[in-house]
Amino acid sequence: MPPFAPNWSSNSSCLRITQGLRTRGPRQRNTAGAATVKLVAVSEGVQLDPKTEFRQLYDQEFASVYRSIRAVVLDSAAAEDLTQETFVRAYRARHRYTPTAPPGAWLRRIGINLAISHLRRQKLARFLPARLYMAPDRRDYDRAEARDVVEKALTQLSPKLRAAVVLHYYEGLTREEIADVLGVPAGTVASRIAKAVAIMRKTMASDQHRETERSTSEGALRGR
């Protein structure tokens, strides 16, 4: 069970949620260094899907929300905090949830928005998974070099473009699913993905060209 375990009933007028913040990702957690955060909120009744209690929703969706956020911010500690914040905000806003989209998509929308805001504040730019790497002659790069190239290319993307690319290539979501998460039309998602990939390809191709020129120059000097 995830560390943040709400204990409440739909008829309670006041509830207390105890949240244990662990230092590892959702798949490998322990109690070392755990911190406890207590949230007290007034409940007028459950406004989520009647068949889904908030605790069950948390248990079912925590890992998925964490992975999506982690893929955007590429920082485990930040992703942990942002995932916890996602569920706190979702709980506070539960009365505004309408079942027009799955609860998981609603939660990921909150989480991705938090992740984008985090990126804008921190101006983070790190590598995406290696499978996104699309530069020509990939065999010329080992894994570390490929990640360095992708990292640099990623710095050219805005947070919105980055989120679309991560959700598509890392999480494997369809354009329609990403549209639900980001709250934009599927056509906008497709446009963002295409634009992001074009920018990254151009950046990586340019870097490869410069690296080839540098290697050629060094080879010529050594041959003298």
C-alpha atoms as a PDB file:
ATOM      1  CA  MET A   1       0.000   0.000   0.000  1.00  0.00           C
ATOM      2  CA  PRO A   2       1.307   3.494  -0.771  1.00  0.00           C
ATOM      3  CA  PRO A   3       2.504   5.469   2.263  1.00  0.00           C
ATOM      4  CA  PHE A   4      -0.238   8.079   2.124  1.00  0.00           C
ATOM      5  CA  ALA A   5      -3.237   6.195   3.485  1.00  0.00           C
ATOM      6  CA  PRO A   6      -6.397   8.223   4.066  1.00  0.00           C
ATOM      7  CA  ASN A   7      -8.717   6.860   6.740  1.00  0.00           C
ATOM      8  CA  TRP A   8     -12.177   8.291   6.382  1.00  0.00           C
ATOM      9  CA  SER A   9     -15.845   7.551   5.797  1.00  0.00           C
ATOM     10  CA  SER A  10     -18.346   9.345   3.594  1.00  0.00           C
ATOM     11  CA  ASN A  11     -20.487  10.264   6.585  1.00  0.00           C
ATOM     12  CA  SER A  12     -17.763  11.854   8.678  1.00  0.00           C
ATOM     13  CA  SER A  13     -17.865  15.587   9.238  1.00  0.00           C
ATOM     14  CA  CYS A  14     -14.184  15.777   9.987  1.00  0.00           C
ATOM     15  CA  LEU A  15     -11.367  13.569   8.799  1.00  0.00           C
ATOM     16  CA  ARG A  16      -7.687  13.265   9.448  1.00  0.00           C
ATOM     17  CA  ILE A  17      -5.275  11.955   6.872  1.00  0.00           C
ATOM     18  CA  THR A  18      -1.867  10.715   7.932  1.00  0.00           C
ATOM     19  CA  GLN A  19       0.706  10.884   5.210  1.00  0.00           C
ATOM     20  CA  GLY A  20       4.057   9.095   5.518  1.00  0.00           C
ATOM     21  CA  LEU A  21       6.572  10.573   3.139  1.00  0.00           C
ATOM     22  CA  ARG A  22       9.170   7.990   2.150  1.00  0.00           C
ATOM     23  CA  THR A  23      12.485   8.551   0.476  1.00  0.00           C
ATOM     24  CA  ARG A  24      12.186   6.006  -2.333  1.00  0.00           C
ATOM     25  CA  GLY A  25       9.939   5.564  -5.357  1.00  0.00           C
ATOM     26  CA  PRO A  26       6.585   3.781  -4.997  1.00  0.00           C
ATOM     27  CA  ARG A  27       7.986   0.388  -5.944  1.00  0.00           C
ATOM     28  CA  GLN A  28      10.799   0.380  -3.366  1.00  0.00           C
ATOM     29  CA  ARG A  29       9.842   2.066  -0.144  1.00  0.00           C
ATOM     30  CA  ASN A  30      10.958   1.797   3.441  1.00  0.00           C
ATOM     31  CA  THR A  31      10.282   3.696   6.634  1.00  0.00           C
ATOM     32  CA  ALA A  32      13.742   5.193   7.032  1.00  0.00           C
ATOM     33  CA  GLY A  33      13.599   8.935   7.398  1.00  0.00           C
ATOM     34  CA  ALA A  34       9.836   8.990   7.079  1.00  0.00           C
ATOM     35  CA  ALA A  35       8.061  12.212   7.884  1.00  0.00           C
ATOM     36  CA  THR A  36       4.446  12.471   8.942  1.00  0.00           C
ATOM     37  CA  VAL A  37       2.201  15.189   7.622  1.00  0.00           C
ATOM     38  CA  LYS A  38      -1.320  15.522   8.971  1.00  0.00           C
ATOM     39  CA  LEU A  39      -4.072  17.175   6.997  1.00  0.00           C
ATOM     40  CA  VAL A  40      -7.347  18.047   8.650  1.00  0.00           C
ATOM     41  CA  ALA A  41     -10.247  18.824   6.341  1.00  0.00           C
ATOM     42  CA  VAL A  42     -13.998  19.145   6.632  1.00  0.00           C
ATOM     43  CA  SER A  43     -16.016  16.726   4.541  1.00  0.00           C
ATOM     44  CA  GLU A  44     -19.584  17.305   3.438  1.00  0.00           C
ATOM     45  CA  GLY A  45     -19.674  13.969   1.644  1.00  0.00           C
ATOM     46  CA  VAL A  46     -17.780  12.185  -1.087  1.00  0.00           C
ATOM     47  CA  GLN A  47     -18.003  13.815  -4.499  1.00  0.00           C
ATOM     48  CA  LEU A  48     -15.771  11.425  -6.426  1.00  0.00           C
ATOM     49  CA  ASP A  49     -17.215   8.521  -8.404  1.00  0.00           C
ATOM     50  CA  PRO A  50     -19.585   6.890  -5.887  1.00  0.00           C
ATOM     51  CA  LYS A  51     -17.953   3.502  -6.498  1.00  0.00           C
ATOM     52  CA  THR A  52     -14.487   4.794  -5.737  1.00  0.00           C
ATOM     53  CA  GLU A  53     -13.429   5.758  -2.249  1.00  0.00           C
ATOM     54  CA  PHE A  54     -10.529   8.130  -2.045  1.00  0.00           C
ATOM     55  CA  ARG A  55      -8.306   5.639  -0.294  1.00  0.00           C
ATOM     56  CA  GLN A  56      -8.892   3.072  -3.015  1.00  0.00           C
ATOM     57  CA  LEU A  57      -8.220   5.712  -5.627  1.00  0.00           C
ATOM     58  CA  TYR A  58      -4.937   6.550  -3.957  1.00  0.00           C
ATOM     59  CA  ASP A  59      -3.889   2.901  -3.761  1.00  0.00           C
ATOM     60  CA  GLN A  60      -4.783   2.307  -7.394  1.00  0.00           C
ATOM     61  CA  GLU A  61      -3.313   5.434  -8.942  1.00  0.00           C
ATOM     62  CA  PHE A  62      -0.323   6.432  -6.811  1.00  0.00           C
ATOM     63  CA  ALA A  63       2.281   4.514  -8.832  1.00  0.00           C
ATOM     64  CA  SER A  64       0.926   5.721 -12.169  1.00  0.00           C
ATOM     65  CA  VAL A  65       0.803   9.362 -11.080  1.00  0.00           C
ATOM     66  CA  TYR A  66       4.297   9.101  -9.618  1.00  0.00           C
ATOM     67  CA  ARG A  67       5.718   7.613 -12.837  1.00  0.00           C
ATOM     68  CA  SER A  68       4.174  10.345 -14.974  1.00  0.00           C
ATOM     69  CA  ILE A  69       5.506  13.101 -12.749  1.00  0.00           C
ATOM     70  CA  ARG A  70       8.898  11.410 -12.403  1.00  0.00           C
ATOM     71  CA  ALA A  71       9.205  11.192 -16.185  1.00  0.00           C
ATOM     72  CA  VAL A  72       8.603  14.925 -16.489  1.00  0.00           C
ATOM     73  CA  VAL A  73      10.759  16.265 -13.658  1.00  0.00           C
ATOM     74  CA  LEU A  74      13.360  13.450 -13.757  1.00  0.00           C
ATOM     75  CA  ASP A  75      14.013  13.850 -10.064  1.00  0.00           C
ATOM     76  CA  SER A  76      12.810  11.152  -7.666  1.00  0.00           C
ATOM     77  CA  ALA A  77      12.650  13.365  -4.589  1.00  0.00           C
ATOM     78  CA  ALA A  78      10.784  16.123  -6.420  1.00  0.00           C
ATOM     79  CA  ALA A  79       8.437  13.568  -7.992  1.00  0.00           C
ATOM     80  CA  GLU A  80       7.698  12.127  -4.550  1.00  0.00           C
ATOM     81  CA  ASP A  81       6.783  15.542  -3.171  1.00  0.00           C
ATOM     82  CA  LEU A  82       4.748  16.476  -6.238  1.00  0.00           C
ATOM     83  CA  THR A  83       2.837  13.187  -6.143  1.00  0.00           C
ATOM     84  CA  GLN A  84       1.932  13.749  -2.504  1.00  0.00           C
ATOM     85  CA  GLU A  85       0.865  17.293  -3.358  1.00  0.00           C
ATOM     86  CA  THR A  86      -1.224  15.953  -6.242  1.00  0.00           C
ATOM     87  CA  PHE A  87      -3.320  13.795  -3.922  1.00  0.00           C
ATOM     88  CA  VAL A  88      -3.635  16.521  -1.314  1.00  0.00           C
ATOM     89  CA  ARG A  89      -4.942  18.910  -3.971  1.00  0.00           C
ATOM     90  CA  ALA A  90      -7.184  16.241  -5.446  1.00  0.00           C
ATOM     91  CA  TYR A  91      -8.695  15.555  -2.050  1.00  0.00           C
ATOM     92  CA  ARG A  92      -9.338  19.223  -1.428  1.00  0.00           C
ATOM     93  CA  ALA A  93     -10.892  19.576  -4.885  1.00  0.00           C
ATOM     94  CA  ARG A  94     -12.836  16.301  -4.834  1.00  0.00           C
ATOM     95  CA  HIS A  95     -16.176  18.117  -4.908  1.00  0.00           C
ATOM     96  CA  ARG A  96     -15.204  19.582  -8.298  1.00  0.00           C
ATOM     97  CA  TYR A  97     -14.513  16.208  -9.886  1.00  0.00           C
ATOM     98  CA  THR A  98     -17.009  15.154 -12.548  1.00  0.00           C
ATOM     99  CA  PRO A  99     -16.895  11.649 -14.051  1.00  0.00           C
ATOM    100  CA  THR A 100     -16.465  12.843 -17.638  1.00  0.00           C
ATOM    101  CA  ALA A 101     -12.925  11.450 -17.549  1.00  0.00           C
ATOM    102  CA  PRO A 102     -11.417   8.559 -15.564  1.00  0.00           C
ATOM    103  CA  PRO A 103     -10.175   9.515 -12.080  1.00  0.00           C
ATOM    104  CA  GLY A 104      -6.649   8.535 -13.124  1.00  0.00           C
ATOM    105  CA  ALA A 105      -6.661  11.083 -15.940  1.00  0.00           C
ATOM    106  CA  TRP A 106      -7.954  13.747 -13.546  1.00  0.00           C
ATOM    107  CA  LEU A 107      -5.170  12.977 -11.076  1.00  0.00           C
ATOM    108  CA  ARG A 108      -2.500  12.967 -13.760  1.00  0.00           C
ATOM    109  CA  ARG A 109      -3.720  16.298 -15.035  1.00  0.00           C
ATOM    110  CA  ILE A 110      -3.220  17.775 -11.575  1.00  0.00           C
ATOM    111  CA  GLY A 111       0.168  16.078 -11.280  1.00  0.00           C
ATOM    112  CA  ILE A 112       1.442  17.126 -14.700  1.00  0.00           C
ATOM    113  CA  ASN A 113       0.384  20.719 -14.087  1.00  0.00           C
ATOM    114  CA  LEU A 114       2.326  20.659 -10.825  1.00  0.00           C
ATOM    115  CA  ALA A 115       5.310  19.129 -12.620  1.00  0.00           C
ATOM    116  CA  ILE A 116       5.244  21.791 -15.328  1.00  0.00           C
ATOM    117  CA  SER A 117       5.084  24.530 -12.712  1.00  0.00           C
ATOM    118  CA  HIS A 118       8.006  22.880 -10.930  1.00  0.00           C
ATOM    119  CA  LEU A 119      10.048  22.824 -14.143  1.00  0.00           C
ATOM    120  CA  ARG A 120       9.336  26.460 -14.778  1.00  0.00           C
ATOM    121  CA  ARG A 121      10.464  27.363 -11.287  1.00  0.00           C
ATOM    122  CA  GLN A 122      13.533  25.193 -11.262  1.00  0.00           C
ATOM    123  CA  LYS A 123      14.334  25.466 -14.967  1.00  0.00           C
ATOM    124  CA  LEU A 124      15.204  21.793 -15.004  1.00  0.00           C
ATOM    125  CA  ALA A 125      16.365  20.165 -18.220  1.00  0.00           C
ATOM    126  CA  ARG A 126      17.591  16.596 -18.103  1.00  0.00           C
ATOM    127  CA  PHE A 127      17.630  13.587 -20.377  1.00  0.00           C
ATOM    128  CA  LEU A 128      14.592  11.673 -21.551  1.00  0.00           C
ATOM    129  CA  PRO A 129      14.605   7.898 -21.931  1.00  0.00           C
ATOM    130  CA  ALA A 130      17.056   6.580 -24.517  1.00  0.00           C
ATOM    131  CA  ARG A 131      14.231   5.223 -26.703  1.00  0.00           C
ATOM    132  CA  LEU A 132      13.311   8.811 -27.584  1.00  0.00           C
ATOM    133  CA  TYR A 133      16.778   9.326 -29.012  1.00  0.00           C
ATOM    134  CA  MET A 134      16.277   9.646 -32.773  1.00  0.00           C
ATOM    135  CA  ALA A 135      19.483  11.185 -34.135  1.00  0.00           C
ATOM    136  CA  PRO A 136      21.063   9.519 -37.183  1.00  0.00           C
ATOM    137  CA  ASP A 137      23.950   7.099 -36.736  1.00  0.00           C
ATOM    138  CA  ARG A 138      22.929   6.270 -33.219  1.00  0.00           C
ATOM    139  CA  ARG A 139      25.474   3.427 -33.193  1.00  0.00           C
ATOM    140  CA  ASP A 140      28.213   6.054 -32.917  1.00  0.00           C
ATOM    141  CA  TYR A 141      27.084   6.925 -29.400  1.00  0.00           C
ATOM    142  CA  ASP A 142      27.237   4.784 -26.316  1.00  0.00           C
ATOM    143  CA  ARG A 143      24.418   5.065 -23.806  1.00  0.00           C
ATOM    144  CA  ALA A 144      25.984   7.827 -21.711  1.00  0.00           C
ATOM    145  CA  GLU A 145      26.827   9.938 -24.744  1.00  0.00           C
ATOM    146  CA  ALA A 146      23.346   9.457 -26.166  1.00  0.00           C
ATOM    147  CA  ARG A 147      21.796  10.657 -22.927  1.00  0.00           C
ATOM    148  CA  ASP A 148      24.032  13.709 -22.923  1.00  0.00           C
ATOM    149  CA  VAL A 149      22.900  14.560 -26.444  1.00  0.00           C
ATOM    150  CA  VAL A 150      19.227  14.110 -25.560  1.00  0.00           C
ATOM    151  CA  GLU A 151      19.714  16.158 -22.399  1.00  0.00           C
ATOM    152  CA  LYS A 152      20.972  19.090 -24.407  1.00  0.00           C
ATOM    153  CA  ALA A 153      18.156  18.723 -26.925  1.00  0.00           C
ATOM    154  CA  LEU A 154      15.625  18.654 -24.116  1.00  0.00           C
ATOM    155  CA  THR A 155      16.763  22.062 -22.904  1.00  0.00           C
ATOM    156  CA  GLN A 156      15.304  23.498 -26.102  1.00  0.00           C
ATOM    157  CA  LEU A 157      11.781  22.368 -25.203  1.00  0.00           C
ATOM    158  CA  SER A 158       9.215  24.343 -23.276  1.00  0.00           C
ATOM    159  CA  PRO A 159       7.608  22.559 -20.296  1.00  0.00           C
ATOM    160  CA  LYS A 160       4.405  21.971 -22.280  1.00  0.00           C
ATOM    161  CA  LEU A 161       6.261  20.354 -25.171  1.00  0.00           C
ATOM    162  CA  ARG A 162       8.311  18.299 -22.776  1.00  0.00           C
ATOM    163  CA  ALA A 163       5.239  17.007 -20.951  1.00  0.00           C
ATOM    164  CA  ALA A 164       3.611  15.892 -24.204  1.00  0.00           C
ATOM    165  CA  VAL A 165       6.754  14.095 -25.366  1.00  0.00           C
ATOM    166  CA  VAL A 166       7.304  12.385 -22.016  1.00  0.00           C
ATOM    167  CA  LEU A 167       3.725  11.152 -21.733  1.00  0.00           C
ATOM    168  CA  HIS A 168       3.817   9.806 -25.281  1.00  0.00           C
ATOM    169  CA  TYR A 169       7.262   8.208 -25.447  1.00  0.00           C
ATOM    170  CA  TYR A 170       7.870   7.374 -21.795  1.00  0.00           C
ATOM    171  CA  GLU A 171       4.400   6.536 -20.490  1.00  0.00           C
ATOM    172  CA  GLY A 172       3.153   5.219 -23.824  1.00  0.00           C
ATOM    173  CA  LEU A 173      -0.093   7.206 -23.729  1.00  0.00           C
ATOM    174  CA  THR A 174      -2.088   7.828 -26.878  1.00  0.00           C
ATOM    175  CA  ARG A 175      -2.739  11.361 -28.068  1.00  0.00           C
ATOM    176  CA  GLU A 176      -6.306  11.107 -26.824  1.00  0.00           C
ATOM    177  CA  GLU A 177      -5.149   9.985 -23.380  1.00  0.00           C
ATOM    178  CA  ILE A 178      -2.604  12.792 -23.228  1.00  0.00           C
ATOM    179  CA  ALA A 179      -5.340  15.220 -24.224  1.00  0.00           C
ATOM    180  CA  ASP A 180      -7.362  14.085 -21.200  1.00  0.00           C
ATOM    181  CA  VAL A 181      -4.357  14.518 -18.923  1.00  0.00           C
ATOM    182  CA  LEU A 182      -3.314  17.933 -20.201  1.00  0.00           C
ATOM    183  CA  GLY A 183      -6.812  19.250 -20.814  1.00  0.00           C
ATOM    184  CA  VAL A 184      -6.175  20.189 -24.443  1.00  0.00           C
ATOM    185  CA  PRO A 185      -7.518  18.878 -27.773  1.00  0.00           C
ATOM    186  CA  ALA A 186      -5.887  15.775 -29.251  1.00  0.00           C
ATOM    187  CA  GLY A 187      -4.837  17.860 -32.243  1.00  0.00           C
ATOM    188  CA  THR A 188      -2.896  20.168 -29.947  1.00  0.00           C
ATOM    189  CA  VAL A 189      -1.156  17.162 -28.407  1.00  0.00           C
ATOM    190  CA  ALA A 190      -0.160  15.857 -31.841  1.00  0.00           C
ATOM    191  CA  SER A 191       1.165  19.290 -32.769  1.00  0.00           C
ATOM    192  CA  ARG A 192       3.201  19.556 -29.566  1.00  0.00           C
ATOM    193  CA  ILE A 193       4.724  16.106 -30.018  1.00  0.00           C
ATOM    194  CA  ALA A 194       5.637  16.798 -33.637  1.00  0.00           C
ATOM    195  CA  LYS A 195       7.144  20.168 -32.759  1.00  0.00           C
ATOM    196  CA  ALA A 196       9.096  18.751 -29.826  1.00  0.00           C
ATOM    197  CA  VAL A 197      10.537  15.872 -31.854  1.00  0.00           C
ATOM    198  CA  ALA A 198      11.483  18.232 -34.693  1.00  0.00           C
ATOM    199  CA  ILE A 199      13.309  20.540 -32.285  1.00  0.00           C
ATOM    200  CA  MET A 200      15.126  17.647 -30.648  1.00  0.00           C
ATOM    201  CA  ARG A 201      16.096  16.066 -33.958  1.00  0.00           C
ATOM    202  CA  LYS A 202      17.470  19.356 -35.218  1.00  0.00           C
ATOM    203  CA  THR A 203      19.449  19.943 -32.036  1.00  0.00           C
ATOM    204  CA  MET A 204      20.852  16.415 -31.957  1.00  0.00           C
ATOM    205  CA  ALA A 205      21.745  16.430 -35.656  1.00  0.00           C
ATOM    206  CA  SER A 206      23.556  19.748 -35.209  1.00  0.00           C
ATOM    207  CA  ASP A 207      25.467  18.394 -32.232  1.00  0.00           C
ATOM    208  CA  GLN A 208      26.414  15.274 -34.152  1.00  0.00           C
ATOM    209  CA  HIS A 209      27.687  17.362 -37.058  1.00  0.00           C
ATOM    210  CA  ARG A 210      29.862  19.436 -34.739  1.00  0.00           C
ATOM    211  CA  GLU A 211      31.178  16.293 -33.061  1.00  0.00           C
ATOM    212  CA  THR A 212      32.064  14.790 -36.449  1.00  0.00           C
ATOM    213  CA  GLU A 213      33.925  17.941 -37.447  1.00  0.00           C
ATOM    214  CA  ARG A 214      35.790  17.959 -34.147  1.00  0.00           C
ATOM    215  CA  SER A 215      36.801  14.312 -34.506  1.00  0.00           C
ATOM    216  CA  THR A 216      37.957  14.895 -38.075  1.00  0.00           C
ATOM    217  CA  SER A 217      40.065  17.863 -37.012  1.00  0.00           C
ATOM    218  CA  GLU A 218      41.633  15.926 -34.146  1.00  0.00           C
ATOM    219  CA  GLY A 219      42.400  13.027 -36.484  1.00  0.00           C
ATOM    220  CA  ALA A 220      44.074  15.334 -38.965  1.00  0.00           C
ATOM    221  CA  LEU A 221      46.222  16.855 -36.234  1.00  0.00           C
ATOM    222  CA  ARG A 222      47.291  13.443 -34.967  1.00  0.00           C
ATOM    223  CA  GLY A 223      48.232  12.422 -38.508  1.00  0.00           C
ATOM    224  CA  ARG A 224      50.739  15.218 -38.846  1.00  0.00           C
END
